[in-house]
Amino acid sequence: MKRAQLIRELVHAGCYLKRHGKRHDIYANPRNGKQSPVPRHQEIKNSLVKLIKMQLGI
């Protein structure tokens, strides 16, 4: 999945960018207080996308 598409889905679900890291951005879900790192790669493997969404409670 393209990173931009994942970011759109996260924002649509109510998540927001909490902070920038060196190689990852940290996104948080304000509804449940969970957060997850999102890598800055063009393509993100589907298994990792599934894990990120699970960690954020989406």
N, C-alpha and C. Protein backbone atom coordinates (compact mmCIF):
# COMPACT_ATOMS: atom_id res chain seq x y z
N MET A 1 0.84 -1.17 0.00
CA MET A 1 0.00 0.00 0.00
C MET A 1 0.89 1.23 0.00
N LYS A 2 0.48 2.25 -0.70
CA LYS A 2 1.23 3.50 -0.71
C LYS A 2 1.07 4.19 0.65
N ARG A 3 2.13 4.85 1.08
CA ARG A 3 2.12 5.53 2.37
C ARG A 3 1.04 6.61 2.41
N ALA A 4 0.89 7.36 1.33
CA ALA A 4 -0.10 8.43 1.29
C ALA A 4 -1.52 7.89 1.49
N GLN A 5 -1.79 6.74 0.91
CA GLN A 5 -3.11 6.13 1.06
C GLN A 5 -3.34 5.71 2.52
N LEU A 6 -2.32 5.14 3.15
CA LEU A 6 -2.44 4.75 4.55
C LEU A 6 -2.70 5.97 5.43
N ILE A 7 -1.97 7.06 5.18
CA ILE A 7 -2.15 8.28 5.97
C ILE A 7 -3.57 8.81 5.81
N ARG A 8 -4.09 8.79 4.58
CA ARG A 8 -5.47 9.24 4.34
C ARG A 8 -6.45 8.40 5.16
N GLU A 9 -6.25 7.09 5.17
CA GLU A 9 -7.14 6.20 5.93
C GLU A 9 -7.04 6.46 7.43
N LEU A 10 -5.83 6.71 7.92
CA LEU A 10 -5.66 6.97 9.35
C LEU A 10 -6.35 8.28 9.75
N VAL A 11 -6.16 9.32 8.94
CA VAL A 11 -6.78 10.62 9.23
C VAL A 11 -8.30 10.51 9.15
N HIS A 12 -8.78 9.77 8.17
CA HIS A 12 -10.22 9.59 8.02
C HIS A 12 -10.80 8.88 9.25
N ALA A 13 -10.02 7.99 9.86
CA ALA A 13 -10.47 7.25 11.04
C ALA A 13 -10.32 8.08 12.32
N GLY A 14 -9.78 9.30 12.22
CA GLY A 14 -9.68 10.17 13.38
C GLY A 14 -8.30 10.26 13.99
N CYS A 15 -7.32 9.59 13.42
CA CYS A 15 -5.95 9.64 13.96
C CYS A 15 -5.27 10.93 13.51
N TYR A 16 -4.22 11.30 14.23
CA TYR A 16 -3.49 12.52 13.90
C TYR A 16 -1.99 12.27 14.08
N LEU A 17 -1.19 13.12 13.42
CA LEU A 17 0.26 13.04 13.53
C LEU A 17 0.66 13.61 14.88
N LYS A 18 1.26 12.77 15.72
CA LYS A 18 1.67 13.22 17.05
C LYS A 18 3.04 13.88 17.01
N ARG A 19 3.98 13.24 16.30
CA ARG A 19 5.33 13.82 16.18
C ARG A 19 6.09 13.14 15.06
N HIS A 20 7.15 13.80 14.63
CA HIS A 20 8.05 13.24 13.62
C HIS A 20 9.24 12.60 14.32
N GLY A 21 9.64 11.44 13.84
CA GLY A 21 10.86 10.82 14.31
C GLY A 21 11.89 10.92 13.19
N LYS A 22 13.02 10.23 13.34
CA LYS A 22 14.03 10.26 12.28
C LYS A 22 13.58 9.46 11.07
N ARG A 23 13.10 8.25 11.30
CA ARG A 23 12.71 7.38 10.18
C ARG A 23 11.23 7.03 10.19
N HIS A 24 10.54 7.40 11.25
CA HIS A 24 9.12 7.08 11.38
C HIS A 24 8.36 8.31 11.87
N ASP A 25 7.09 8.37 11.55
CA ASP A 25 6.19 9.36 12.13
C ASP A 25 5.29 8.62 13.12
N ILE A 26 4.96 9.27 14.21
CA ILE A 26 4.12 8.65 15.22
C ILE A 26 2.69 9.19 15.06
N TYR A 27 1.75 8.29 14.83
CA TYR A 27 0.34 8.65 14.72
C TYR A 27 -0.38 8.16 15.96
N ALA A 28 -1.36 8.94 16.41
CA ALA A 28 -2.11 8.61 17.62
C ALA A 28 -3.60 8.62 17.33
N ASN A 29 -4.31 7.78 18.08
CA ASN A 29 -5.76 7.72 18.00
C ASN A 29 -6.31 8.33 19.29
N PRO A 30 -6.92 9.52 19.22
CA PRO A 30 -7.38 10.19 20.45
C PRO A 30 -8.55 9.48 21.12
N ARG A 31 -9.25 8.63 20.41
CA ARG A 31 -10.41 7.94 20.98
C ARG A 31 -10.01 6.93 22.04
N ASN A 32 -8.85 6.27 21.83
CA ASN A 32 -8.43 5.25 22.80
C ASN A 32 -7.03 5.50 23.36
N GLY A 33 -6.36 6.56 22.91
CA GLY A 33 -5.04 6.90 23.44
C GLY A 33 -3.90 6.06 22.90
N LYS A 34 -4.16 5.19 21.93
CA LYS A 34 -3.10 4.34 21.39
C LYS A 34 -2.32 5.09 20.32
N GLN A 35 -1.06 4.69 20.15
CA GLN A 35 -0.23 5.29 19.11
C GLN A 35 0.62 4.23 18.44
N SER A 36 1.10 4.56 17.22
CA SER A 36 1.87 3.59 16.45
C SER A 36 2.82 4.33 15.51
N PRO A 37 4.03 3.80 15.32
CA PRO A 37 4.94 4.40 14.35
C PRO A 37 4.57 4.01 12.92
N VAL A 38 4.71 4.96 12.00
CA VAL A 38 4.45 4.72 10.58
C VAL A 38 5.74 5.04 9.83
N PRO A 39 6.33 4.06 9.14
CA PRO A 39 7.59 4.31 8.44
C PRO A 39 7.43 5.27 7.28
N ARG A 40 8.52 5.92 6.89
CA ARG A 40 8.50 6.87 5.79
C ARG A 40 8.96 6.23 4.49
N HIS A 41 8.42 5.08 4.16
CA HIS A 41 8.72 4.41 2.90
C HIS A 41 7.60 4.69 1.92
N GLN A 42 7.91 4.70 0.62
CA GLN A 42 6.87 4.90 -0.40
C GLN A 42 5.84 3.78 -0.33
N GLU A 43 6.31 2.55 -0.27
CA GLU A 43 5.44 1.37 -0.20
C GLU A 43 5.57 0.75 1.18
N ILE A 44 4.43 0.41 1.76
CA ILE A 44 4.40 -0.26 3.06
C ILE A 44 3.70 -1.60 2.86
N LYS A 45 4.31 -2.67 3.34
CA LYS A 45 3.74 -4.01 3.16
C LYS A 45 2.37 -4.10 3.82
N ASN A 46 1.50 -4.89 3.21
CA ASN A 46 0.14 -5.04 3.72
C ASN A 46 0.10 -5.60 5.13
N SER A 47 1.04 -6.49 5.45
CA SER A 47 1.08 -7.05 6.80
C SER A 47 1.40 -5.97 7.83
N LEU A 48 2.26 -5.02 7.46
CA LEU A 48 2.60 -3.92 8.36
C LEU A 48 1.44 -2.94 8.49
N VAL A 49 0.73 -2.71 7.39
CA VAL A 49 -0.46 -1.84 7.42
C VAL A 49 -1.48 -2.41 8.39
N LYS A 50 -1.69 -3.72 8.31
CA LYS A 50 -2.65 -4.39 9.20
C LYS A 50 -2.22 -4.24 10.66
N LEU A 51 -0.92 -4.38 10.93
CA LEU A 51 -0.39 -4.24 12.29
C LEU A 51 -0.57 -2.81 12.81
N ILE A 52 -0.28 -1.82 11.97
CA ILE A 52 -0.43 -0.41 12.37
C ILE A 52 -1.88 -0.12 12.72
N LYS A 53 -2.80 -0.58 11.89
CA LYS A 53 -4.23 -0.34 12.16
C LYS A 53 -4.66 -1.05 13.43
N MET A 54 -4.14 -2.24 13.67
CA MET A 54 -4.48 -2.98 14.88
C MET A 54 -3.95 -2.25 16.12
N GLN A 55 -2.72 -1.75 16.03
CA GLN A 55 -2.13 -1.03 17.16
C GLN A 55 -2.89 0.25 17.48
N LEU A 56 -3.46 0.88 16.45
CA LEU A 56 -4.22 2.12 16.66
C LEU A 56 -5.68 1.85 17.01
N GLY A 57 -6.10 0.61 16.93
CA GLY A 57 -7.47 0.26 17.27
C GLY A 57 -8.48 0.62 16.20
N ILE A 58 -8.06 0.55 14.95
CA ILE A 58 -8.95 0.87 13.82
C ILE A 58 -9.49 -0.42 13.24
